[in-house]
Amino acid sequence: MKSAYDIIIKPVITERSMEGVADKKYVFEVARGSNKIEIKNAVEQIFGVKVKSVNTVSLPGKEKRVGVHIGKTPAKKKAIVTLKDDSKGIELFENMI
C-alpha cells in the first residue's frame, strides 16, 4: 500500500496555481498511478484539512532536442484539490502570498 507521501510528490507553485488559493484550490503534482480517492485521503492526512473535490490532469511528456539527439521528458499528473468552506487553508501555500 502506498503512503500519503508517495502519492503527493510536490506542490505546484506558479502564478496560475496561486490565483486559486483565494478560492481554496491547491495544485499538486501526484503519482501517475494514483486515483482521486487516494489523492483526497493523502491531502487530508498530510495537511489536516477537509477536501471537497479533486480534479486530475494527465500531462504527456514533451519531446526535447539537444543538438542531433532527441529525448522525451517524463509524463506527469497534476491534481487540483478544492477544500471545503469550513476547512482551514494549507499553510504552505498561504505563506507564498
N, C-alpha and C. Protein backbone atom coordinates (compact mmCIF):
# COMPACT_ATOMS: atom_id res chain seq x y z
N MET A 1 0.84 -1.19 0.00
CA MET A 1 0.00 0.00 0.00
C MET A 1 0.88 1.24 0.00
N LYS A 2 0.49 2.23 -0.79
CA LYS A 2 1.26 3.46 -0.90
C LYS A 2 0.99 4.35 0.31
N SER A 3 2.04 5.05 0.76
CA SER A 3 1.84 6.03 1.83
C SER A 3 1.39 7.34 1.21
N ALA A 4 0.92 8.25 2.05
CA ALA A 4 0.45 9.54 1.57
C ALA A 4 1.57 10.33 0.91
N TYR A 5 2.80 10.14 1.41
CA TYR A 5 3.94 10.87 0.87
C TYR A 5 4.41 10.30 -0.47
N ASP A 6 4.02 9.08 -0.80
CA ASP A 6 4.31 8.52 -2.12
C ASP A 6 3.33 9.04 -3.16
N ILE A 7 2.15 9.44 -2.75
CA ILE A 7 1.12 9.90 -3.68
C ILE A 7 1.32 11.38 -4.02
N ILE A 8 1.52 12.22 -3.01
CA ILE A 8 1.75 13.65 -3.22
C ILE A 8 3.24 13.85 -3.45
N ILE A 9 3.64 14.23 -4.65
CA ILE A 9 5.06 14.40 -4.96
C ILE A 9 5.54 15.78 -4.55
N LYS A 10 4.87 16.84 -5.03
CA LYS A 10 5.27 18.19 -4.68
C LYS A 10 4.15 19.16 -5.01
N PRO A 11 4.12 20.34 -4.36
CA PRO A 11 3.15 21.36 -4.74
C PRO A 11 3.59 22.05 -6.02
N VAL A 12 2.63 22.56 -6.75
CA VAL A 12 2.91 23.30 -7.97
C VAL A 12 2.74 24.78 -7.64
N ILE A 13 3.86 25.52 -7.67
CA ILE A 13 3.84 26.94 -7.32
C ILE A 13 4.07 27.74 -8.58
N THR A 14 2.99 28.22 -9.19
CA THR A 14 3.05 29.08 -10.36
C THR A 14 2.07 30.23 -10.15
N GLU A 15 2.14 31.23 -11.00
CA GLU A 15 1.20 32.35 -10.88
C GLU A 15 -0.23 31.87 -11.04
N ARG A 16 -0.44 30.97 -11.98
CA ARG A 16 -1.80 30.49 -12.24
C ARG A 16 -2.33 29.65 -11.08
N SER A 17 -1.48 28.82 -10.50
CA SER A 17 -1.94 27.98 -9.40
C SER A 17 -2.18 28.81 -8.14
N MET A 18 -1.43 29.90 -7.97
CA MET A 18 -1.60 30.73 -6.78
C MET A 18 -2.86 31.59 -6.85
N GLU A 19 -3.43 31.78 -8.03
CA GLU A 19 -4.69 32.52 -8.15
C GLU A 19 -5.84 31.77 -7.47
N GLY A 20 -5.77 30.46 -7.44
CA GLY A 20 -6.84 29.66 -6.87
C GLY A 20 -6.79 29.55 -5.36
N VAL A 21 -5.73 30.04 -4.72
CA VAL A 21 -5.60 29.91 -3.27
C VAL A 21 -6.71 30.68 -2.55
N ALA A 22 -7.14 31.80 -3.11
CA ALA A 22 -8.23 32.57 -2.51
C ALA A 22 -9.54 31.77 -2.51
N ASP A 23 -9.72 30.89 -3.49
CA ASP A 23 -10.92 30.05 -3.57
C ASP A 23 -10.71 28.68 -2.95
N LYS A 24 -9.59 28.51 -2.22
CA LYS A 24 -9.22 27.24 -1.56
C LYS A 24 -9.02 26.13 -2.57
N LYS A 25 -8.35 26.46 -3.68
CA LYS A 25 -7.96 25.47 -4.68
C LYS A 25 -6.44 25.40 -4.70
N TYR A 26 -5.91 24.19 -4.53
CA TYR A 26 -4.48 23.98 -4.45
C TYR A 26 -4.06 22.94 -5.47
N VAL A 27 -2.88 23.13 -6.08
CA VAL A 27 -2.42 22.26 -7.14
C VAL A 27 -1.20 21.48 -6.66
N PHE A 28 -1.21 20.17 -6.90
CA PHE A 28 -0.11 19.29 -6.51
C PHE A 28 0.26 18.41 -7.70
N GLU A 29 1.55 18.07 -7.78
CA GLU A 29 1.96 17.03 -8.70
C GLU A 29 1.85 15.72 -7.94
N VAL A 30 1.18 14.74 -8.54
CA VAL A 30 0.91 13.48 -7.85
C VAL A 30 1.46 12.31 -8.66
N ALA A 31 1.51 11.15 -8.03
CA ALA A 31 1.97 9.94 -8.70
C ALA A 31 1.01 9.59 -9.83
N ARG A 32 1.56 9.13 -10.95
CA ARG A 32 0.73 8.86 -12.14
C ARG A 32 -0.28 7.75 -11.91
N GLY A 33 -0.01 6.81 -11.04
CA GLY A 33 -0.91 5.69 -10.83
C GLY A 33 -1.95 5.93 -9.76
N SER A 34 -2.01 7.12 -9.19
CA SER A 34 -2.94 7.39 -8.10
C SER A 34 -4.29 7.84 -8.63
N ASN A 35 -5.34 7.53 -7.85
CA ASN A 35 -6.68 7.95 -8.25
C ASN A 35 -7.16 9.06 -7.31
N LYS A 36 -8.36 9.57 -7.58
CA LYS A 36 -8.86 10.72 -6.84
C LYS A 36 -9.08 10.42 -5.36
N ILE A 37 -9.52 9.23 -5.04
CA ILE A 37 -9.77 8.87 -3.64
C ILE A 37 -8.46 8.81 -2.87
N GLU A 38 -7.43 8.23 -3.47
CA GLU A 38 -6.11 8.18 -2.82
C GLU A 38 -5.55 9.58 -2.62
N ILE A 39 -5.72 10.46 -3.61
CA ILE A 39 -5.23 11.83 -3.50
C ILE A 39 -5.96 12.57 -2.39
N LYS A 40 -7.27 12.40 -2.33
CA LYS A 40 -8.07 13.05 -1.28
C LYS A 40 -7.60 12.60 0.11
N ASN A 41 -7.45 11.31 0.30
CA ASN A 41 -7.03 10.80 1.61
C ASN A 41 -5.62 11.26 1.96
N ALA A 42 -4.73 11.34 0.97
CA ALA A 42 -3.36 11.77 1.22
C ALA A 42 -3.31 13.24 1.65
N VAL A 43 -4.05 14.10 0.97
CA VAL A 43 -4.05 15.53 1.32
C VAL A 43 -4.65 15.73 2.71
N GLU A 44 -5.74 15.02 3.01
CA GLU A 44 -6.35 15.13 4.33
C GLU A 44 -5.40 14.66 5.43
N GLN A 45 -4.66 13.59 5.16
CA GLN A 45 -3.75 13.05 6.15
C GLN A 45 -2.53 13.96 6.36
N ILE A 46 -1.93 14.45 5.29
CA ILE A 46 -0.71 15.24 5.40
C ILE A 46 -0.97 16.62 5.97
N PHE A 47 -2.00 17.32 5.48
CA PHE A 47 -2.22 18.71 5.84
C PHE A 47 -3.32 18.91 6.88
N GLY A 48 -4.08 17.89 7.23
CA GLY A 48 -5.13 18.02 8.24
C GLY A 48 -6.27 18.93 7.82
N VAL A 49 -6.72 18.81 6.58
CA VAL A 49 -7.81 19.63 6.06
C VAL A 49 -8.94 18.72 5.56
N LYS A 50 -10.07 19.33 5.20
CA LYS A 50 -11.21 18.59 4.65
C LYS A 50 -11.31 18.90 3.16
N VAL A 51 -11.27 17.87 2.32
CA VAL A 51 -11.28 18.03 0.87
C VAL A 51 -12.70 17.92 0.34
N LYS A 52 -13.09 18.89 -0.49
CA LYS A 52 -14.41 18.89 -1.12
C LYS A 52 -14.37 18.09 -2.42
N SER A 53 -13.38 18.37 -3.28
CA SER A 53 -13.30 17.67 -4.56
C SER A 53 -11.86 17.63 -5.05
N VAL A 54 -11.61 16.70 -5.97
CA VAL A 54 -10.30 16.54 -6.59
C VAL A 54 -10.50 16.41 -8.10
N ASN A 55 -9.81 17.25 -8.86
CA ASN A 55 -9.78 17.14 -10.32
C ASN A 55 -8.36 16.80 -10.72
N THR A 56 -8.20 15.90 -11.70
CA THR A 56 -6.88 15.49 -12.12
C THR A 56 -6.65 15.81 -13.60
N VAL A 57 -5.39 16.05 -13.94
CA VAL A 57 -4.98 16.33 -15.31
C VAL A 57 -3.74 15.50 -15.59
N SER A 58 -3.77 14.68 -16.64
CA SER A 58 -2.60 13.91 -17.05
C SER A 58 -1.90 14.67 -18.16
N LEU A 59 -0.62 14.96 -17.96
CA LEU A 59 0.16 15.71 -18.93
C LEU A 59 1.15 14.78 -19.62
N PRO A 60 1.10 14.68 -20.94
CA PRO A 60 2.05 13.81 -21.64
C PRO A 60 3.45 14.43 -21.63
N GLY A 61 4.46 13.59 -21.81
CA GLY A 61 5.83 14.08 -21.90
C GLY A 61 6.05 14.83 -23.20
N LYS A 62 6.97 15.79 -23.18
CA LYS A 62 7.27 16.57 -24.37
C LYS A 62 8.58 16.08 -24.98
N GLU A 63 8.68 16.19 -26.29
CA GLU A 63 9.94 15.87 -26.94
C GLU A 63 10.87 17.06 -26.82
N LYS A 64 12.10 16.80 -26.42
CA LYS A 64 13.12 17.84 -26.31
C LYS A 64 14.29 17.44 -27.19
N ARG A 65 14.94 18.45 -27.74
CA ARG A 65 16.06 18.18 -28.64
C ARG A 65 17.28 18.95 -28.17
N VAL A 66 18.41 18.25 -28.10
CA VAL A 66 19.69 18.86 -27.78
C VAL A 66 20.64 18.47 -28.91
N GLY A 67 20.88 19.39 -29.81
CA GLY A 67 21.69 19.08 -30.99
C GLY A 67 20.96 18.08 -31.87
N VAL A 68 21.62 16.98 -32.19
CA VAL A 68 21.01 15.96 -33.03
C VAL A 68 20.26 14.92 -32.22
N HIS A 69 20.38 14.97 -30.90
CA HIS A 69 19.76 13.97 -30.04
C HIS A 69 18.35 14.41 -29.66
N ILE A 70 17.42 13.48 -29.77
CA ILE A 70 16.03 13.75 -29.41
C ILE A 70 15.69 12.90 -28.20
N GLY A 71 15.14 13.53 -27.18
CA GLY A 71 14.73 12.83 -25.98
C GLY A 71 13.31 13.20 -25.63
N LYS A 72 12.84 12.71 -24.51
CA LYS A 72 11.47 12.98 -24.10
C LYS A 72 11.45 13.20 -22.59
N THR A 73 10.72 14.24 -22.15
CA THR A 73 10.55 14.48 -20.72
C THR A 73 9.50 13.51 -20.20
N PRO A 74 9.54 13.19 -18.91
CA PRO A 74 8.56 12.24 -18.38
C PRO A 74 7.15 12.84 -18.31
N ALA A 75 6.16 11.98 -18.43
CA ALA A 75 4.77 12.40 -18.28
C ALA A 75 4.49 12.70 -16.81
N LYS A 76 3.53 13.60 -16.55
CA LYS A 76 3.20 14.00 -15.19
C LYS A 76 1.69 13.93 -14.98
N LYS A 77 1.30 13.99 -13.72
CA LYS A 77 -0.11 14.06 -13.38
C LYS A 77 -0.27 15.13 -12.32
N LYS A 78 -1.22 16.05 -12.54
CA LYS A 78 -1.49 17.11 -11.57
C LYS A 78 -2.87 16.91 -10.98
N ALA A 79 -3.02 17.35 -9.73
CA ALA A 79 -4.32 17.29 -9.07
C ALA A 79 -4.67 18.68 -8.55
N ILE A 80 -5.87 19.14 -8.86
CA ILE A 80 -6.39 20.39 -8.33
C ILE A 80 -7.34 20.02 -7.21
N VAL A 81 -6.96 20.36 -5.99
CA VAL A 81 -7.71 19.96 -4.79
C VAL A 81 -8.47 21.17 -4.29
N THR A 82 -9.79 21.03 -4.14
CA THR A 82 -10.64 22.08 -3.59
C THR A 82 -11.04 21.69 -2.18
N LEU A 83 -10.84 22.62 -1.24
CA LEU A 83 -11.17 22.35 0.16
C LEU A 83 -12.58 22.83 0.48
N LYS A 84 -13.15 22.26 1.53
CA LYS A 84 -14.48 22.68 1.98
C LYS A 84 -14.39 24.08 2.59
N ASP A 85 -15.53 24.77 2.62
CA ASP A 85 -15.56 26.15 3.10
C ASP A 85 -15.17 26.27 4.57
N ASP A 86 -15.55 25.27 5.39
CA ASP A 86 -15.26 25.35 6.82
C ASP A 86 -13.86 24.84 7.16
N SER A 87 -13.09 24.41 6.16
CA SER A 87 -11.75 23.87 6.39
C SER A 87 -10.73 25.01 6.43
N LYS A 88 -9.66 24.80 7.19
CA LYS A 88 -8.58 25.79 7.20
C LYS A 88 -7.76 25.65 5.93
N GLY A 89 -6.98 26.67 5.60
CA GLY A 89 -6.15 26.63 4.40
C GLY A 89 -4.88 25.84 4.63
N ILE A 90 -4.14 25.59 3.56
CA ILE A 90 -2.87 24.89 3.64
C ILE A 90 -1.79 25.94 3.82
N GLU A 91 -1.06 25.85 4.93
CA GLU A 91 -0.10 26.89 5.31
C GLU A 91 1.02 27.06 4.30
N LEU A 92 1.41 25.98 3.65
CA LEU A 92 2.49 26.03 2.66
C LEU A 92 2.17 27.04 1.56
N PHE A 93 0.93 27.05 1.08
CA PHE A 93 0.53 27.97 0.03
C PHE A 93 0.21 29.35 0.59
N GLU A 94 -0.34 29.41 1.79
CA GLU A 94 -0.73 30.69 2.37
C GLU A 94 0.48 31.58 2.60
N ASN A 95 1.62 31.00 2.94
CA ASN A 95 2.82 31.80 3.19
C ASN A 95 3.45 32.32 1.91
N MET A 96 3.06 31.82 0.76
CA MET A 96 3.63 32.26 -0.52
C MET A 96 2.99 33.56 -1.02
N ILE A 97 1.83 33.90 -0.50
CA ILE A 97 1.11 35.10 -0.98
C ILE A 97 1.66 36.33 -0.30
